[in-house]
Amino acid sequence: MGWARRLIPPAWLLVALAMSAALHHWLPIAQLLAPPARRYGVLLVVVGVVLAFAGVAAFRRARTSVIPFERATTLVTGGIYRFTRNPMYLGLTLVLAGVALLLGSIGALLPLPLFVCIIHYGYIRAEERFLAEIFGGDYAHYTHAVRRWL
């Protein structure tokens, strides 16, 4: 999935959000949730944004790049990284899920699994190999101690 890496993950989020909105309006299939329940999507969006920014902040504090596949200078394992190895990707996924929930239709949910596959296979797995090469045993220990997503 090297083609996936031509865009940075936030750009994939924008593509997926546009697809969700388009499918909701032009191919809604069925409404899953009534308007009051759809408001819970706001909670997912907020949690997603907080997670993503917490991940970025941890990288900034460690003075290492947030750009995928730029050489990492530090293995970040503190802060939010004690709970998930991919808070930025998890955050983007929650934002997309939250928007889909706000829209409430099956059509709006369809881009979500595609987005997760692009992130997982196009970024996470390759980054894991990259980090294993750089940090060796420290990274292996970290992967056994902390889950990839949650």
Protein backbone atom coordinates (compact mmCIF):
# COMPACT_ATOMS: atom_id res chain seq x y z
CA MET A 1 0.00 0.00 0.00
CA GLY A 2 2.85 2.37 -0.76
CA TRP A 3 0.42 4.45 -2.79
CA ALA A 4 -1.45 5.30 0.41
CA ARG A 5 1.58 7.13 1.77
CA ARG A 6 1.44 9.81 -0.88
CA LEU A 7 -0.98 11.62 1.40
CA ILE A 8 -0.42 12.25 5.08
CA PRO A 9 -3.06 10.71 7.37
CA PRO A 10 -4.97 13.96 8.04
CA ALA A 11 -5.45 14.28 4.28
CA TRP A 12 -6.92 10.76 4.24
CA LEU A 13 -9.25 11.90 7.02
CA LEU A 14 -10.45 14.79 4.88
CA VAL A 15 -11.02 12.44 1.94
CA ALA A 16 -12.97 10.05 4.17
CA LEU A 17 -15.01 12.89 5.69
CA ALA A 18 -15.91 14.13 2.20
CA MET A 19 -16.89 10.59 1.23
CA SER A 20 -19.02 10.23 4.37
CA ALA A 21 -20.84 13.48 3.66
CA ALA A 22 -21.35 12.60 0.00
CA LEU A 23 -22.62 9.10 0.75
CA HIS A 24 -24.90 10.45 3.47
CA HIS A 25 -26.48 12.94 1.09
CA TRP A 26 -26.53 10.94 -2.14
CA LEU A 27 -26.69 7.36 -0.88
CA PRO A 28 -27.97 7.47 2.68
CA ILE A 29 -29.23 3.81 2.47
CA ALA A 30 -30.93 4.04 5.88
CA GLN A 31 -30.88 6.23 8.95
CA LEU A 32 -29.39 4.30 11.86
CA LEU A 33 -29.97 6.82 14.61
CA ALA A 34 -32.58 9.37 15.52
CA PRO A 35 -31.34 12.96 15.90
CA PRO A 36 -31.07 12.95 19.72
CA ALA A 37 -28.81 9.87 19.72
CA ARG A 38 -26.67 11.26 16.90
CA ARG A 39 -25.40 13.97 19.23
CA TYR A 40 -23.11 11.40 20.83
CA GLY A 41 -21.03 11.83 17.69
CA VAL A 42 -19.85 15.15 19.14
CA LEU A 43 -18.31 13.25 22.05
CA LEU A 44 -16.40 10.98 19.67
CA VAL A 45 -15.17 13.97 17.66
CA VAL A 46 -13.97 15.77 20.80
CA VAL A 47 -12.25 12.66 22.20
CA GLY A 48 -10.66 12.05 18.79
CA VAL A 49 -9.30 15.58 18.53
CA VAL A 50 -7.96 15.45 22.10
CA LEU A 51 -6.23 12.09 21.45
CA ALA A 52 -4.68 13.26 18.20
CA PHE A 53 -3.40 16.50 19.73
CA ALA A 54 -2.09 14.67 22.81
CA GLY A 55 -0.09 12.42 20.48
CA VAL A 56 1.30 15.38 18.56
CA ALA A 57 2.14 17.20 21.81
CA ALA A 58 4.05 14.17 23.11
CA PHE A 59 6.08 14.03 19.90
CA ARG A 60 6.79 17.76 20.08
CA ARG A 61 7.95 17.44 23.70
CA ALA A 62 10.26 14.60 22.66
CA ARG A 63 11.48 16.69 19.70
CA THR A 64 10.77 13.98 17.17
CA SER A 65 8.91 14.24 13.88
CA VAL A 66 5.17 13.68 13.57
CA ILE A 67 5.51 13.16 9.81
CA PRO A 68 5.13 9.46 8.99
CA PHE A 69 8.35 7.76 7.88
CA GLU A 70 10.67 10.62 8.78
CA ARG A 71 13.42 9.17 10.92
CA ALA A 72 12.35 9.07 14.55
CA THR A 73 14.89 10.40 17.02
CA THR A 74 13.11 9.25 20.16
CA LEU A 75 10.81 6.36 21.02
CA VAL A 76 7.86 8.10 22.66
CA THR A 77 6.31 5.86 25.32
CA GLY A 78 5.03 8.33 27.91
CA GLY A 79 1.85 10.31 28.24
CA ILE A 80 -0.93 9.08 25.99
CA TYR A 81 1.51 6.57 24.49
CA ARG A 82 1.25 4.53 27.70
CA PHE A 83 -2.28 3.56 26.63
CA THR A 84 -2.13 3.33 22.84
CA ARG A 85 0.75 3.14 20.40
CA ASN A 86 -1.19 5.17 17.84
CA PRO A 87 -3.14 7.96 19.52
CA MET A 88 -2.97 10.21 16.47
CA TYR A 89 -4.42 7.53 14.18
CA LEU A 90 -6.94 6.48 16.81
CA GLY A 91 -7.96 10.12 17.19
CA LEU A 92 -8.47 10.57 13.45
CA THR A 93 -10.53 7.38 13.35
CA LEU A 94 -12.72 8.59 16.23
CA VAL A 95 -13.26 11.93 14.48
CA LEU A 96 -14.45 10.11 11.36
CA ALA A 97 -16.66 7.78 13.41
CA GLY A 98 -18.09 10.74 15.31
CA VAL A 99 -18.98 12.62 12.15
CA ALA A 100 -20.58 9.47 10.72
CA LEU A 101 -22.57 9.12 13.94
CA LEU A 102 -23.64 12.77 13.74
CA LEU A 103 -24.88 12.17 10.20
CA GLY A 104 -26.58 8.99 11.35
CA SER A 105 -26.84 7.09 8.06
CA ILE A 106 -25.31 3.80 6.96
CA GLY A 107 -23.84 5.58 3.95
CA ALA A 108 -21.87 7.91 6.22
CA LEU A 109 -20.30 4.90 7.96
CA LEU A 110 -19.07 3.20 4.79
CA PRO A 111 -15.74 5.09 4.50
CA LEU A 112 -14.78 4.19 8.09
CA PRO A 113 -13.49 0.63 7.46
CA LEU A 114 -11.69 1.81 4.32
CA PHE A 115 -9.99 4.58 6.32
CA VAL A 116 -8.95 2.12 9.04
CA CYS A 117 -7.50 -0.25 6.41
CA ILE A 118 -5.54 2.56 4.74
CA ILE A 119 -4.14 3.72 8.08
CA HIS A 120 -3.38 0.21 9.33
CA TYR A 121 -1.83 -1.25 6.20
CA GLY A 122 -0.50 1.92 4.60
CA TYR A 123 1.03 3.50 7.70
CA ILE A 124 0.97 1.60 10.99
CA ARG A 125 2.44 -1.71 9.83
CA ALA A 126 5.20 -0.01 7.84
CA GLU A 127 5.94 2.39 10.71
CA GLU A 128 6.18 -0.55 13.10
CA ARG A 129 8.84 -2.18 10.92
CA PHE A 130 10.65 1.17 10.67
CA LEU A 131 10.59 1.69 14.45
CA ALA A 132 11.71 -1.89 15.10
CA GLU A 133 14.77 -1.27 12.90
CA ILE A 134 15.62 1.97 14.71
CA PHE A 135 14.85 1.06 18.33
CA GLY A 136 15.18 -2.75 18.33
CA GLY A 137 14.49 -4.38 21.69
CA ASP A 138 13.12 -1.21 23.28
CA TYR A 139 10.43 -1.06 20.62
CA ALA A 140 9.71 -4.81 20.89
CA HIS A 141 9.22 -4.41 24.65
CA TYR A 142 6.94 -1.42 24.07
CA THR A 143 4.78 -3.33 21.56
CA HIS A 144 4.28 -6.11 24.11
CA ALA A 145 3.34 -3.64 26.84
CA VAL A 146 1.01 -1.30 24.90
CA ARG A 147 -1.73 -2.14 22.43
CA ARG A 148 -1.68 -0.88 18.86
CA TRP A 149 -5.10 0.82 18.98
CA LEU A 150 -6.64 0.50 22.46
